[in-house]
Amino acid sequence: MSATYLRELPLIAILRGVTPEEIMPVGLALYEAGFRAIEIPLNSPEPLHSIGLLAAELGERALIGAGTVLSVRQVEEVAQAGGRLIVSPNCNAQVIQATRQAGLFSAPGVATPSEGFAALEAGADVLKLFPAEQFNPAIVKAWRAVFARDVALLPVGGITPANMAGYLAAGASGFGLGSALYKPGMSAREVGDNAAAFVAAWQAIPR
């Protein structure tokens, strides 16, 4: 499932604070810009409602789910709402295992190589390097030296169109994008413009 949704554009949109009233126009603007993975953190207003609305609209065309998932119960709630993506700020083996057992996509947050290997052992699909502010490209390069190339490393936090190239050159596989992409109250047009800027920056990076 990860390869399908992140192959062409390995960028996960993080919509912290989005409301059910905003989710459809914002989510569709992201989809039209090329995003195929969208995370709605559980500390947003009525997050399960928003997840359900967008997941029902996009179906299997996109990977829709939740962020800030901290418990097995929350994994179950997201699955019941129709979400298929589980993102956490931490490495919780029980949450990762419950995610995989439910057939969902697991992206736990890790801050050390030990946490990264523990997350993979528990079944993580990708590793969310969080917060990215403490992972400069030199540190990502050091991680890449010990993690296999097929292990996706996704820095999250403080990522902008201007700083992606350095991370990618160091071995990052993609990114989670937060406030530089979406802030509460932004119009769908603003989000779409930001999304287009990220997509253009990604496509312009030499491979």
Protein backbone atom coordinates (compact mmCIF):
# COMPACT_ATOMS: atom_id res chain seq x y z
CA MET A 1 0.00 0.00 0.00
CA SER A 2 2.83 2.44 0.82
CA ALA A 3 4.47 2.04 -2.58
CA THR A 4 1.21 2.79 -4.34
CA TYR A 5 0.44 6.04 -2.53
CA LEU A 6 3.93 7.43 -1.96
CA ARG A 7 5.77 6.31 -5.10
CA GLU A 8 5.27 9.38 -7.28
CA LEU A 9 4.96 12.00 -4.52
CA PRO A 10 6.23 10.81 -1.11
CA LEU A 11 4.78 13.79 0.75
CA ILE A 12 2.23 13.41 3.55
CA ALA A 13 -0.02 16.41 4.16
CA ILE A 14 -0.62 17.15 7.86
CA LEU A 15 -3.85 19.08 8.46
CA ARG A 16 -3.62 19.87 12.17
CA GLY A 17 -6.65 21.90 13.22
CA VAL A 18 -8.77 21.28 10.14
CA THR A 19 -12.52 21.12 10.76
CA PRO A 20 -15.18 18.89 9.17
CA GLU A 21 -16.52 21.99 7.39
CA GLU A 22 -13.11 22.64 5.80
CA ILE A 23 -11.89 19.13 5.11
CA MET A 24 -13.56 18.53 1.77
CA PRO A 25 -12.38 21.63 -0.13
CA VAL A 26 -8.93 21.50 1.50
CA GLY A 27 -8.54 17.77 0.97
CA LEU A 28 -9.62 17.95 -2.65
CA ALA A 29 -7.25 20.86 -3.29
CA LEU A 30 -4.40 18.69 -2.00
CA TYR A 31 -5.52 15.75 -4.10
CA GLU A 32 -5.72 17.89 -7.23
CA ALA A 33 -2.17 19.14 -6.54
CA GLY A 34 -0.93 15.54 -6.50
CA PHE A 35 -0.98 14.57 -2.83
CA ARG A 36 -2.06 10.99 -2.16
CA ALA A 37 -1.49 10.79 1.61
CA ILE A 38 -3.35 13.06 4.03
CA GLU A 39 -3.12 13.00 7.83
CA ILE A 40 -5.69 14.60 10.15
CA PRO A 41 -4.22 14.76 13.67
CA LEU A 42 -6.54 13.55 16.41
CA ASN A 43 -6.17 16.82 18.32
CA SER A 44 -8.07 18.58 15.53
CA PRO A 45 -11.78 19.43 15.91
CA GLU A 46 -13.93 16.30 15.33
CA PRO A 47 -11.07 14.49 13.56
CA LEU A 48 -12.87 11.19 13.06
CA HIS A 49 -15.71 13.00 11.28
CA SER A 50 -13.23 14.72 8.98
CA ILE A 51 -11.42 11.45 8.28
CA GLY A 52 -14.69 9.73 7.46
CA LEU A 53 -15.80 12.47 5.07
CA LEU A 54 -12.56 12.62 3.10
CA ALA A 55 -12.02 8.87 3.08
CA ALA A 56 -15.52 8.33 1.72
CA GLU A 57 -14.96 10.91 -1.00
CA LEU A 58 -11.54 9.74 -2.20
CA GLY A 59 -11.88 6.03 -1.46
CA GLU A 60 -8.82 4.06 -2.54
CA ARG A 61 -7.51 6.93 -4.65
CA ALA A 62 -5.70 8.32 -1.58
CA LEU A 63 -4.42 7.23 1.81
CA ILE A 64 -6.42 9.12 4.44
CA GLY A 65 -5.96 8.73 8.16
CA ALA A 66 -4.95 10.16 11.50
CA GLY A 67 -1.95 11.68 13.20
CA THR A 68 -1.09 11.98 16.89
CA VAL A 69 -2.35 8.42 17.41
CA LEU A 70 -1.24 7.34 20.89
CA SER A 71 -3.26 4.25 21.77
CA VAL A 72 -4.59 0.99 20.37
CA ARG A 73 -8.12 2.25 21.01
CA GLN A 74 -7.48 5.25 18.78
CA VAL A 75 -6.23 2.93 16.02
CA GLU A 76 -9.54 1.09 16.24
CA GLU A 77 -11.52 4.34 16.13
CA VAL A 78 -9.66 5.58 13.06
CA ALA A 79 -10.25 2.26 11.29
CA GLN A 80 -13.95 2.43 12.12
CA ALA A 81 -14.10 5.93 10.65
CA GLY A 82 -12.63 4.69 7.38
CA GLY A 83 -9.04 5.85 7.90
CA ARG A 84 -6.15 3.72 6.67
CA LEU A 85 -3.12 5.78 7.75
CA ILE A 86 -1.85 5.82 11.36
CA VAL A 87 0.82 8.38 12.24
CA SER A 88 2.22 8.84 15.75
CA PRO A 89 4.71 11.24 17.34
CA ASN A 90 6.30 8.34 19.21
CA CYS A 91 7.37 4.72 18.86
CA ASN A 92 4.74 2.55 20.56
CA ALA A 93 5.08 -1.11 19.57
CA GLN A 94 1.50 -1.89 20.60
CA VAL A 95 0.12 0.88 18.39
CA ILE A 96 2.28 -0.25 15.46
CA GLN A 97 1.25 -3.88 15.85
CA ALA A 98 -2.44 -2.99 16.17
CA THR A 99 -2.14 -0.85 13.05
CA ARG A 100 -0.68 -3.66 11.00
CA GLN A 101 -3.12 -6.22 12.37
CA ALA A 102 -5.95 -3.96 11.21
CA GLY A 103 -4.42 -3.79 7.73
CA LEU A 104 -3.56 -0.10 8.06
CA PHE A 105 -0.42 1.85 7.14
CA SER A 106 1.96 2.54 10.05
CA ALA A 107 4.16 5.66 10.28
CA PRO A 108 5.47 5.98 13.85
CA GLY A 109 7.65 8.83 15.04
CA VAL A 110 11.22 7.97 15.98
CA ALA A 111 14.05 10.11 17.31
CA THR A 112 16.93 7.63 17.64
CA PRO A 113 18.22 4.73 15.55
CA SER A 114 17.27 2.36 18.38
CA GLU A 115 13.66 3.57 18.18
CA GLY A 116 13.81 3.24 14.41
CA PHE A 117 14.89 -0.39 14.51
CA ALA A 118 12.33 -1.15 17.23
CA ALA A 119 9.59 0.39 15.10
CA LEU A 120 10.59 -1.70 12.08
CA GLU A 121 10.65 -4.85 14.20
CA ALA A 122 7.11 -4.04 15.36
CA GLY A 123 5.97 -3.70 11.74
CA ALA A 124 6.27 -0.02 10.81
CA ASP A 125 5.89 0.74 7.10
CA VAL A 126 7.93 3.96 7.19
CA LEU A 127 9.86 5.90 9.84
CA LYS A 128 8.78 9.42 10.70
CA LEU A 129 11.89 11.34 11.82
CA PHE A 130 10.38 13.70 14.37
CA PRO A 131 10.94 16.48 15.06
CA ALA A 132 12.94 17.19 11.91
CA GLU A 133 14.37 20.34 13.50
CA GLN A 134 16.75 18.04 15.39
CA PHE A 135 17.52 15.99 12.25
CA ASN A 136 19.72 18.14 10.05
CA PRO A 137 20.81 16.55 6.75
CA ALA A 138 24.09 15.35 8.28
CA ILE A 139 22.15 13.32 10.85
CA VAL A 140 19.83 11.91 8.20
CA LYS A 141 22.94 10.85 6.25
CA ALA A 142 24.24 9.04 9.34
CA TRP A 143 20.90 7.24 9.74
CA ARG A 144 20.91 6.23 6.09
CA ALA A 145 24.29 4.55 6.58
CA VAL A 146 22.72 2.00 8.94
CA PHE A 147 19.17 1.69 7.59
CA ALA A 148 18.53 -0.23 4.36
CA ARG A 149 17.72 1.83 1.28
CA ASP A 150 14.23 0.37 1.12
CA VAL A 151 13.42 1.76 4.59
CA ALA A 152 11.60 5.04 4.04
CA LEU A 153 12.87 7.89 6.24
CA LEU A 154 10.42 10.81 6.35
CA PRO A 155 11.51 13.95 8.23
CA VAL A 156 8.56 15.81 9.75
CA GLY A 157 8.62 19.27 11.30
CA GLY A 158 9.86 22.54 9.84
CA ILE A 159 10.01 21.25 6.27
CA THR A 160 9.63 23.90 3.54
CA PRO A 161 10.04 23.84 -0.24
CA ALA A 162 13.43 25.50 0.25
CA ASN A 163 15.00 22.91 2.56
CA MET A 164 13.83 19.63 1.05
CA ALA A 165 16.77 19.25 -1.33
CA GLY A 166 19.38 19.00 1.43
CA TYR A 167 17.44 16.30 3.24
CA LEU A 168 16.83 14.36 0.05
CA ALA A 169 20.53 14.46 -0.88
CA ALA A 170 21.33 13.09 2.59
CA GLY A 171 19.03 10.10 2.12
CA ALA A 172 15.53 11.17 3.12
CA SER A 173 12.78 9.35 1.21
CA GLY A 174 10.03 11.93 1.53
CA PHE A 175 8.48 14.29 4.06
CA GLY A 176 5.54 15.04 6.30
CA LEU A 177 4.39 18.63 5.75
CA GLY A 178 2.66 20.67 8.43
CA SER A 179 2.30 24.40 8.97
CA ALA A 180 4.16 25.40 5.80
CA LEU A 181 1.41 23.61 3.89
CA TYR A 182 -1.67 24.17 6.04
CA LYS A 183 -2.64 26.33 9.00
CA PRO A 184 -6.14 26.53 10.50
CA GLY A 185 -8.23 29.11 8.71
CA MET A 186 -6.43 28.89 5.39
CA SER A 187 -8.68 28.80 2.35
CA ALA A 188 -8.63 25.80 0.05
CA ARG A 189 -7.05 28.02 -2.60
CA GLU A 190 -4.20 28.99 -0.27
CA VAL A 191 -3.61 25.35 0.62
CA GLY A 192 -3.69 24.41 -3.04
CA ASP A 193 -1.10 27.10 -3.84
CA ASN A 194 1.15 25.87 -1.02
CA ALA A 195 0.73 22.29 -2.20
CA ALA A 196 1.67 23.27 -5.75
CA ALA A 197 4.82 24.98 -4.43
CA PHE A 198 5.86 21.82 -2.59
CA VAL A 199 5.16 19.63 -5.62
CA ALA A 200 7.16 21.94 -7.89
CA ALA A 201 10.07 21.98 -5.42
CA TRP A 202 10.01 18.20 -5.16
CA GLN A 203 9.98 17.74 -8.91
CA ALA A 204 12.84 20.22 -9.37
CA ILE A 205 15.24 18.35 -7.05
CA PRO A 206 17.86 16.46 -9.07
CA ARG A 207 17.76 12.69 -8.50
